[in-house]
Amino acid sequence: MKYTYEELAGMLDHSLLHPTLTDQEMEEGCRLAARYRVASVCVKPYFVKRAAELLRGTGVKVGAVVAFPHGNSATEVKRYETRVACQDGAVEIDMVINVGKALSGDWDYVEADIRAVCEEAHAHGAKVKVIFENDYLPNDDIKIRLCQVSERAGADWVKTSTGYGFVKGPDGKYSYRGATEHDLRLMRAHVSPAVQVKAAGGVRDLDTLMLVRDLGCTRCGATASAAMLEEYKKRAAGEGAASGQASLGSGGY
């Protein structure tokens, strides 16, 4: 295999954000994350404390969303939401920008909004992923500007999407694309090596996950974590059998 199990599992932020998930389903999702040894869970704010309890000692980080999914909270509300999440045990924060302000060209506001969250999170030892929601953005110039603004404001990652940025089409139906190869290349090219890139939305199979890594992303939001990693095990076992190897060496599960 091109990458080890640990390299790919270590990219995954297992997403537990659907509004209908019950407490039991959230707990099961945390246990799945621990079983597959992914990088983190990304949970709804109210569940951070419980997720931290469930994942203590597993090596799986707890991340929380802020102003999710539309980014429209006042800056001080975002700051406070960040503080509470960190106090409850979150070590990563996925915040949504104020999309309307970005589309209005009010870059001072956008930068200050991001900086407030970054400063609060960093004060608690947490890192920040800044979500652009690219499906809402009409051109690359805005995405590039957001990369620059996010880096100046202290972002640790820039991130494509929430996974819930649905756009209404001419037929009245809603859809979204999420992470695209074009956007990932663009974002990687317009932040320095100090800022990482996270893909979110639409990464549901192993080949796409490996492509995302090829493009320079270090994290990927996913609900299909188990399916992708089971496919990895299946392929890796097949390669081992074909070469006469009995195991995958250091690539355990």
C-alpha atoms as a PDB file:
ATOM      1  CA  MET A   1       0.000   0.000   0.000  1.00  0.00           C
ATOM      2  CA  LYS A   2       1.104   3.517  -0.745  1.00  0.00           C
ATOM      3  CA  TYR A   3       0.516   4.669   2.845  1.00  0.00           C
ATOM      4  CA  THR A   4       0.506   2.888   6.174  1.00  0.00           C
ATOM      5  CA  TYR A   5      -2.648   2.316   8.162  1.00  0.00           C
ATOM      6  CA  GLU A   6      -1.374   4.752  10.797  1.00  0.00           C
ATOM      7  CA  GLU A   7      -0.780   7.482   8.225  1.00  0.00           C
ATOM      8  CA  LEU A   8      -4.315   7.274   6.872  1.00  0.00           C
ATOM      9  CA  ALA A   9      -6.121   6.696  10.154  1.00  0.00           C
ATOM     10  CA  GLY A  10      -4.113   9.608  11.544  1.00  0.00           C
ATOM     11  CA  MET A  11      -5.700  11.896   8.960  1.00  0.00           C
ATOM     12  CA  LEU A  12      -9.286  11.193   9.962  1.00  0.00           C
ATOM     13  CA  ASP A  13     -11.440  13.475  12.060  1.00  0.00           C
ATOM     14  CA  HIS A  14     -14.406  11.166  12.624  1.00  0.00           C
ATOM     15  CA  SER A  15     -17.430  13.414  12.219  1.00  0.00           C
ATOM     16  CA  LEU A  16     -20.325  13.117  14.673  1.00  0.00           C
ATOM     17  CA  LEU A  17     -22.210  16.251  13.708  1.00  0.00           C
ATOM     18  CA  HIS A  18     -25.477  15.219  12.107  1.00  0.00           C
ATOM     19  CA  PRO A  19     -28.284  16.971  14.008  1.00  0.00           C
ATOM     20  CA  THR A  20     -30.290  13.786  14.501  1.00  0.00           C
ATOM     21  CA  LEU A  21     -27.539  11.763  16.206  1.00  0.00           C
ATOM     22  CA  THR A  22     -28.670  10.554  19.613  1.00  0.00           C
ATOM     23  CA  ASP A  23     -26.455  10.416  22.689  1.00  0.00           C
ATOM     24  CA  GLN A  24     -26.141   6.649  22.221  1.00  0.00           C
ATOM     25  CA  GLU A  25     -25.058   7.094  18.599  1.00  0.00           C
ATOM     26  CA  MET A  26     -22.547   9.754  19.648  1.00  0.00           C
ATOM     27  CA  GLU A  27     -21.080   7.390  22.231  1.00  0.00           C
ATOM     28  CA  GLU A  28     -20.914   4.563  19.686  1.00  0.00           C
ATOM     29  CA  GLY A  29     -19.126   6.932  17.307  1.00  0.00           C
ATOM     30  CA  CYS A  30     -16.514   7.750  19.930  1.00  0.00           C
ATOM     31  CA  ARG A  31     -15.926   4.052  20.598  1.00  0.00           C
ATOM     32  CA  LEU A  32     -15.572   3.434  16.857  1.00  0.00           C
ATOM     33  CA  ALA A  33     -12.989   6.233  16.662  1.00  0.00           C
ATOM     34  CA  ALA A  34     -11.001   4.623  19.477  1.00  0.00           C
ATOM     35  CA  ARG A  35     -11.251   1.179  17.886  1.00  0.00           C
ATOM     36  CA  TYR A  36      -9.882   2.408  14.550  1.00  0.00           C
ATOM     37  CA  ARG A  37      -7.363   4.777  16.170  1.00  0.00           C
ATOM     38  CA  VAL A  38      -8.277   7.803  14.071  1.00  0.00           C
ATOM     39  CA  ALA A  39      -6.863  11.254  14.761  1.00  0.00           C
ATOM     40  CA  SER A  40      -9.921  12.735  16.431  1.00  0.00           C
ATOM     41  CA  VAL A  41     -13.649  12.933  16.785  1.00  0.00           C
ATOM     42  CA  CYS A  42     -15.377  16.144  15.804  1.00  0.00           C
ATOM     43  CA  VAL A  43     -18.466  16.517  17.966  1.00  0.00           C
ATOM     44  CA  LYS A  44     -21.308  18.886  18.731  1.00  0.00           C
ATOM     45  CA  PRO A  45     -20.450  21.319  21.543  1.00  0.00           C
ATOM     46  CA  TYR A  46     -22.796  19.866  24.158  1.00  0.00           C
ATOM     47  CA  PHE A  47     -21.120  16.456  23.830  1.00  0.00           C
ATOM     48  CA  VAL A  48     -17.500  17.517  24.294  1.00  0.00           C
ATOM     49  CA  LYS A  49     -17.320  16.652  27.978  1.00  0.00           C
ATOM     50  CA  ARG A  50     -18.729  13.157  27.443  1.00  0.00           C
ATOM     51  CA  ALA A  51     -16.477  12.541  24.432  1.00  0.00           C
ATOM     52  CA  ALA A  52     -13.445  13.531  26.492  1.00  0.00           C
ATOM     53  CA  GLU A  53     -14.465  11.031  29.171  1.00  0.00           C
ATOM     54  CA  LEU A  54     -14.959   8.223  26.661  1.00  0.00           C
ATOM     55  CA  LEU A  55     -11.700   8.868  24.800  1.00  0.00           C
ATOM     56  CA  ARG A  56      -9.386   9.558  27.726  1.00  0.00           C
ATOM     57  CA  GLY A  57      -6.237   7.494  27.313  1.00  0.00           C
ATOM     58  CA  THR A  58      -7.032   6.289  23.780  1.00  0.00           C
ATOM     59  CA  GLY A  59      -4.883   8.780  21.887  1.00  0.00           C
ATOM     60  CA  VAL A  60      -7.935  10.040  19.963  1.00  0.00           C
ATOM     61  CA  LYS A  61      -8.302  13.798  20.250  1.00  0.00           C
ATOM     62  CA  VAL A  62     -11.594  15.576  20.899  1.00  0.00           C
ATOM     63  CA  GLY A  63     -12.565  18.393  18.548  1.00  0.00           C
ATOM     64  CA  ALA A  64     -15.587  20.668  18.736  1.00  0.00           C
ATOM     65  CA  VAL A  65     -17.348  22.874  16.219  1.00  0.00           C
ATOM     66  CA  VAL A  66     -17.947  26.570  16.824  1.00  0.00           C
ATOM     67  CA  ALA A  67     -20.694  28.620  15.122  1.00  0.00           C
ATOM     68  CA  PHE A  68     -21.603  25.491  13.200  1.00  0.00           C
ATOM     69  CA  PRO A  69     -22.714  25.188  10.478  1.00  0.00           C
ATOM     70  CA  HIS A  70     -23.378  28.729   9.228  1.00  0.00           C
ATOM     71  CA  GLY A  71     -20.831  30.896  11.046  1.00  0.00           C
ATOM     72  CA  ASN A  72     -23.255  33.694  11.859  1.00  0.00           C
ATOM     73  CA  SER A  73     -22.718  33.991  15.619  1.00  0.00           C
ATOM     74  CA  ALA A  74     -21.327  37.245  16.968  1.00  0.00           C
ATOM     75  CA  THR A  75     -17.576  37.166  17.484  1.00  0.00           C
ATOM     76  CA  GLU A  76     -17.834  37.227  21.274  1.00  0.00           C
ATOM     77  CA  VAL A  77     -20.255  34.307  21.151  1.00  0.00           C
ATOM     78  CA  LYS A  78     -17.729  32.364  19.060  1.00  0.00           C
ATOM     79  CA  ARG A  79     -15.045  33.225  21.578  1.00  0.00           C
ATOM     80  CA  TYR A  80     -17.201  32.073  24.486  1.00  0.00           C
ATOM     81  CA  GLU A  81     -18.233  28.887  22.705  1.00  0.00           C
ATOM     82  CA  THR A  82     -14.545  28.165  22.122  1.00  0.00           C
ATOM     83  CA  ARG A  83     -13.733  28.750  25.800  1.00  0.00           C
ATOM     84  CA  VAL A  84     -16.467  26.387  27.000  1.00  0.00           C
ATOM     85  CA  ALA A  85     -15.465  23.695  24.508  1.00  0.00           C
ATOM     86  CA  CYS A  86     -11.836  23.881  25.626  1.00  0.00           C
ATOM     87  CA  GLN A  87     -12.782  23.800  29.290  1.00  0.00           C
ATOM     88  CA  ASP A  88     -14.885  20.708  28.581  1.00  0.00           C
ATOM     89  CA  GLY A  89     -11.917  18.929  26.988  1.00  0.00           C
ATOM     90  CA  ALA A  90     -11.695  19.931  23.327  1.00  0.00           C
ATOM     91  CA  VAL A  91      -8.163  20.249  22.013  1.00  0.00           C
ATOM     92  CA  GLU A  92      -9.191  21.187  18.470  1.00  0.00           C
ATOM     93  CA  ILE A  93     -11.762  23.737  17.340  1.00  0.00           C
ATOM     94  CA  ASP A  94     -13.416  23.768  13.908  1.00  0.00           C
ATOM     95  CA  MET A  95     -14.882  27.252  13.485  1.00  0.00           C
ATOM     96  CA  VAL A  96     -16.995  28.561  10.618  1.00  0.00           C
ATOM     97  CA  ILE A  97     -16.190  31.990   9.207  1.00  0.00           C
ATOM     98  CA  ASN A  98     -18.845  34.649   8.781  1.00  0.00           C
ATOM     99  CA  VAL A  99     -19.543  33.895   5.125  1.00  0.00           C
ATOM    100  CA  GLY A 100     -21.705  36.962   4.563  1.00  0.00           C
ATOM    101  CA  LYS A 101     -18.934  39.228   5.799  1.00  0.00           C
ATOM    102  CA  ALA A 102     -16.449  37.554   3.457  1.00  0.00           C
ATOM    103  CA  LEU A 103     -18.814  38.004   0.519  1.00  0.00           C
ATOM    104  CA  SER A 104     -19.267  41.636   1.574  1.00  0.00           C
ATOM    105  CA  GLY A 105     -15.508  42.162   1.462  1.00  0.00           C
ATOM    106  CA  ASP A 106     -15.332  43.145   5.134  1.00  0.00           C
ATOM    107  CA  TRP A 107     -11.959  41.527   5.609  1.00  0.00           C
ATOM    108  CA  ASP A 108     -11.129  43.359   8.837  1.00  0.00           C
ATOM    109  CA  TYR A 109     -14.207  41.805  10.435  1.00  0.00           C
ATOM    110  CA  VAL A 110     -13.439  38.343   9.060  1.00  0.00           C
ATOM    111  CA  GLU A 111      -9.856  38.471  10.311  1.00  0.00           C
ATOM    112  CA  ALA A 112     -10.839  39.749  13.759  1.00  0.00           C
ATOM    113  CA  ASP A 113     -13.528  37.064  14.008  1.00  0.00           C
ATOM    114  CA  ILE A 114     -11.026  34.296  13.262  1.00  0.00           C
ATOM    115  CA  ARG A 115      -8.366  35.822  15.505  1.00  0.00           C
ATOM    116  CA  ALA A 116     -10.726  35.927  18.484  1.00  0.00           C
ATOM    117  CA  VAL A 117     -11.298  32.180  18.247  1.00  0.00           C
ATOM    118  CA  CYS A 118      -7.629  31.412  17.620  1.00  0.00           C
ATOM    119  CA  GLU A 119      -6.485  33.482  20.590  1.00  0.00           C
ATOM    120  CA  GLU A 120      -9.005  31.855  22.903  1.00  0.00           C
ATOM    121  CA  ALA A 121      -8.235  28.345  21.708  1.00  0.00           C
ATOM    122  CA  HIS A 122      -4.474  28.825  21.814  1.00  0.00           C
ATOM    123  CA  ALA A 123      -4.711  30.176  25.353  1.00  0.00           C
ATOM    124  CA  HIS A 124      -6.152  26.769  26.305  1.00  0.00           C
ATOM    125  CA  GLY A 125      -3.594  24.811  24.295  1.00  0.00           C
ATOM    126  CA  ALA A 126      -6.064  23.948  21.534  1.00  0.00           C
ATOM    127  CA  LYS A 127      -5.652  24.287  17.765  1.00  0.00           C
ATOM    128  CA  VAL A 128      -8.047  25.846  15.257  1.00  0.00           C
ATOM    129  CA  LYS A 129      -9.363  24.781  11.868  1.00  0.00           C
ATOM    130  CA  VAL A 130     -11.023  27.612   9.934  1.00  0.00           C
ATOM    131  CA  ILE A 131     -13.927  26.472   7.746  1.00  0.00           C
ATOM    132  CA  PHE A 132     -14.509  28.501   4.582  1.00  0.00           C
ATOM    133  CA  GLU A 133     -17.615  26.702   3.232  1.00  0.00           C
ATOM    134  CA  ASN A 134     -16.352  26.854  -0.332  1.00  0.00           C
ATOM    135  CA  ASP A 135     -19.681  25.911  -1.909  1.00  0.00           C
ATOM    136  CA  TYR A 136     -20.907  29.378  -0.919  1.00  0.00           C
ATOM    137  CA  LEU A 137     -17.913  31.194  -2.411  1.00  0.00           C
ATOM    138  CA  PRO A 138     -18.236  32.272  -6.050  1.00  0.00           C
ATOM    139  CA  ASN A 139     -14.576  32.585  -7.038  1.00  0.00           C
ATOM    140  CA  ASP A 140     -10.995  31.682  -6.211  1.00  0.00           C
ATOM    141  CA  ASP A 141     -10.067  35.237  -5.255  1.00  0.00           C
ATOM    142  CA  ILE A 142     -12.230  35.025  -2.137  1.00  0.00           C
ATOM    143  CA  LYS A 143     -10.804  31.628  -1.209  1.00  0.00           C
ATOM    144  CA  ILE A 144      -7.248  32.916  -1.622  1.00  0.00           C
ATOM    145  CA  ARG A 145      -8.003  35.969   0.474  1.00  0.00           C
ATOM    146  CA  LEU A 146      -9.481  33.737   3.170  1.00  0.00           C
ATOM    147  CA  CYS A 147      -6.301  31.666   3.196  1.00  0.00           C
ATOM    148  CA  GLN A 148      -4.245  34.806   3.740  1.00  0.00           C
ATOM    149  CA  VAL A 149      -6.576  36.240   6.382  1.00  0.00           C
ATOM    150  CA  SER A 150      -6.760  32.933   8.255  1.00  0.00           C
ATOM    151  CA  GLU A 151      -3.003  32.575   8.420  1.00  0.00           C
ATOM    152  CA  ARG A 152      -2.559  36.130   9.686  1.00  0.00           C
ATOM    153  CA  ALA A 153      -5.214  35.493  12.320  1.00  0.00           C
ATOM    154  CA  GLY A 154      -3.386  32.447  13.681  1.00  0.00           C
ATOM    155  CA  ALA A 155      -5.189  29.483  12.084  1.00  0.00           C
ATOM    156  CA  ASP A 156      -3.586  26.064  12.398  1.00  0.00           C
ATOM    157  CA  TRP A 157      -5.629  24.635   9.504  1.00  0.00           C
ATOM    158  CA  VAL A 158      -7.778  25.964   6.710  1.00  0.00           C
ATOM    159  CA  LYS A 159     -10.718  23.707   5.898  1.00  0.00           C
ATOM    160  CA  THR A 160     -12.956  23.459   2.864  1.00  0.00           C
ATOM    161  CA  SER A 161     -16.416  22.800   4.206  1.00  0.00           C
ATOM    162  CA  THR A 162     -18.780  21.858   6.997  1.00  0.00           C
ATOM    163  CA  GLY A 163     -20.431  19.046   5.050  1.00  0.00           C
ATOM    164  CA  TYR A 164     -23.708  20.903   5.529  1.00  0.00           C
ATOM    165  CA  GLY A 165     -23.262  23.850   3.158  1.00  0.00           C
ATOM    166  CA  PHE A 166     -26.162  23.020   0.923  1.00  0.00           C
ATOM    167  CA  VAL A 167     -26.805  25.280  -2.080  1.00  0.00           C
ATOM    168  CA  LYS A 168     -30.275  25.600  -3.582  1.00  0.00           C
ATOM    169  CA  GLY A 169     -30.312  24.805  -7.270  1.00  0.00           C
ATOM    170  CA  PRO A 170     -32.610  26.147 -10.022  1.00  0.00           C
ATOM    171  CA  ASP A 171     -34.850  23.093  -9.518  1.00  0.00           C
ATOM    172  CA  GLY A 172     -35.309  23.984  -5.838  1.00  0.00           C
ATOM    173  CA  LYS A 173     -33.274  21.018  -4.639  1.00  0.00           C
ATOM    174  CA  TYR A 174     -30.306  21.375  -2.310  1.00  0.00           C
ATOM    175  CA  SER A 175     -26.886  19.855  -2.902  1.00  0.00           C
ATOM    176  CA  TYR A 176     -23.236  20.415  -2.111  1.00  0.00           C
ATOM    177  CA  ARG A 177     -19.852  19.383  -3.447  1.00  0.00           C
ATOM    178  CA  GLY A 178     -17.692  19.716  -0.354  1.00  0.00           C
ATOM    179  CA  ALA A 179     -13.964  19.248  -0.873  1.00  0.00           C
ATOM    180  CA  THR A 180     -12.788  19.372  -4.486  1.00  0.00           C
ATOM    181  CA  GLU A 181      -9.358  18.695  -5.917  1.00  0.00           C
ATOM    182  CA  HIS A 182      -9.243  22.225  -7.315  1.00  0.00           C
ATOM    183  CA  ASP A 183      -9.962  23.834  -3.963  1.00  0.00           C
ATOM    184  CA  LEU A 184      -7.515  21.646  -2.065  1.00  0.00           C
ATOM    185  CA  ARG A 185      -4.724  22.496  -4.493  1.00  0.00           C
ATOM    186  CA  LEU A 186      -5.642  26.185  -4.294  1.00  0.00           C
ATOM    187  CA  MET A 187      -5.715  26.276  -0.503  1.00  0.00           C
ATOM    188  CA  ARG A 188      -2.456  24.344  -0.132  1.00  0.00           C
ATOM    189  CA  ALA A 189      -0.777  26.771  -2.532  1.00  0.00           C
ATOM    190  CA  HIS A 190      -1.933  29.879  -0.671  1.00  0.00           C
ATOM    191  CA  VAL A 191      -0.966  29.138   2.904  1.00  0.00           C
ATOM    192  CA  SER A 192       2.566  28.660   4.186  1.00  0.00           C
ATOM    193  CA  PRO A 193       3.860  25.277   5.384  1.00  0.00           C
ATOM    194  CA  ALA A 194       3.011  26.434   8.926  1.00  0.00           C
ATOM    195  CA  VAL A 195      -0.715  26.110   8.118  1.00  0.00           C
ATOM    196  CA  GLN A 196      -2.251  22.734   7.344  1.00  0.00           C
ATOM    197  CA  VAL A 197      -5.199  21.940   5.077  1.00  0.00           C
ATOM    198  CA  LYS A 198      -8.256  19.866   5.988  1.00  0.00           C
ATOM    199  CA  ALA A 199     -10.676  18.392   3.453  1.00  0.00           C
ATOM    200  CA  ALA A 200     -14.291  17.930   4.487  1.00  0.00           C
ATOM    201  CA  GLY A 201     -17.397  16.856   2.637  1.00  0.00           C
ATOM    202  CA  GLY A 202     -17.523  14.112   0.040  1.00  0.00           C
ATOM    203  CA  VAL A 203     -14.534  11.971   1.055  1.00  0.00           C
ATOM    204  CA  ARG A 204     -16.176   8.565   1.419  1.00  0.00           C
ATOM    205  CA  ASP A 205     -13.777   5.978  -0.028  1.00  0.00           C
ATOM    206  CA  LEU A 206     -10.169   4.937   0.389  1.00  0.00           C
ATOM    207  CA  ASP A 207      -8.973   6.094  -3.019  1.00  0.00           C
ATOM    208  CA  THR A 208     -10.314   9.588  -2.398  1.00  0.00           C
ATOM    209  CA  LEU A 209      -8.704   9.656   1.033  1.00  0.00           C
ATOM    210  CA  MET A 210      -5.337   8.779  -0.498  1.00  0.00           C
ATOM    211  CA  LEU A 211      -5.814  11.432  -3.181  1.00  0.00           C
ATOM    212  CA  VAL A 212      -6.534  13.995  -0.481  1.00  0.00           C
ATOM    213  CA  ARG A 213      -3.263  13.043   1.199  1.00  0.00           C
ATOM    214  CA  ASP A 214      -1.433  13.273  -2.147  1.00  0.00           C
ATOM    215  CA  LEU A 215      -2.715  16.840  -2.445  1.00  0.00           C
ATOM    216  CA  GLY A 216      -1.047  17.815   0.812  1.00  0.00           C
ATOM    217  CA  CYS A 217      -3.927  17.577   3.278  1.00  0.00           C
ATOM    218  CA  THR A 218      -3.130  16.367   6.775  1.00  0.00           C
ATOM    219  CA  ARG A 219      -6.702  15.944   7.999  1.00  0.00           C
ATOM    220  CA  CYS A 220      -9.981  14.845   6.497  1.00  0.00           C
ATOM    221  CA  GLY A 221     -13.438  15.054   8.022  1.00  0.00           C
ATOM    222  CA  ALA A 222     -15.358  11.840   7.449  1.00  0.00           C
ATOM    223  CA  THR A 223     -18.381   9.864   8.521  1.00  0.00           C
ATOM    224  CA  ALA A 224     -17.224   6.816   6.533  1.00  0.00           C
ATOM    225  CA  SER A 225     -14.079   6.280   8.626  1.00  0.00           C
ATOM    226  CA  ALA A 226     -14.769   2.610   9.340  1.00  0.00           C
ATOM    227  CA  ALA A 227     -15.567   1.778   5.711  1.00  0.00           C
ATOM    228  CA  MET A 228     -12.377   3.424   4.441  1.00  0.00           C
ATOM    229  CA  LEU A 229     -10.141   1.766   7.017  1.00  0.00           C
ATOM    230  CA  GLU A 230     -11.759  -1.643   6.561  1.00  0.00           C
ATOM    231  CA  GLU A 231     -11.079  -1.295   2.838  1.00  0.00           C
ATOM    232  CA  TYR A 232      -7.471  -0.489   3.673  1.00  0.00           C
ATOM    233  CA  LYS A 233      -7.166  -3.668   5.749  1.00  0.00           C
ATOM    234  CA  LYS A 234      -8.726  -5.729   2.963  1.00  0.00           C
ATOM    235  CA  ARG A 235      -6.344  -4.393   0.323  1.00  0.00           C
ATOM    236  CA  ALA A 236      -3.292  -4.600   2.583  1.00  0.00           C
ATOM    237  CA  ALA A 237      -4.109  -8.208   3.470  1.00  0.00           C
ATOM    238  CA  GLY A 238      -4.437  -9.026  -0.216  1.00  0.00           C
ATOM    239  CA  GLU A 239      -1.052  -7.510  -0.980  1.00  0.00           C
ATOM    240  CA  GLY A 240       0.507  -9.414   1.907  1.00  0.00           C
ATOM    241  CA  ALA A 241      -0.946 -12.695   0.685  1.00  0.00           C
ATOM    242  CA  ALA A 242       0.216 -12.028  -2.852  1.00  0.00           C
ATOM    243  CA  SER A 243       3.777 -11.433  -1.666  1.00  0.00           C
ATOM    244  CA  GLY A 244       3.772 -14.338   0.779  1.00  0.00           C
ATOM    245  CA  GLN A 245       3.868 -12.112   3.848  1.00  0.00           C
ATOM    246  CA  ALA A 246       2.027 -13.236   6.950  1.00  0.00           C
ATOM    247  CA  SER A 247       1.497  -9.765   8.407  1.00  0.00           C
ATOM    248  CA  LEU A 248       1.784  -6.071   7.713  1.00  0.00           C
ATOM    249  CA  GLY A 249       4.700  -5.479  10.045  1.00  0.00           C
ATOM    250  CA  SER A 250       4.295  -2.190  11.890  1.00  0.00           C
ATOM    251  CA  GLY A 251       0.971  -1.429  10.180  1.00  0.00           C
ATOM    252  CA  GLY A 252      -1.322  -2.830  12.834  1.00  0.00           C
ATOM    253  CA  TYR A 253      -4.957  -2.077  13.487  1.00  0.00           C
END
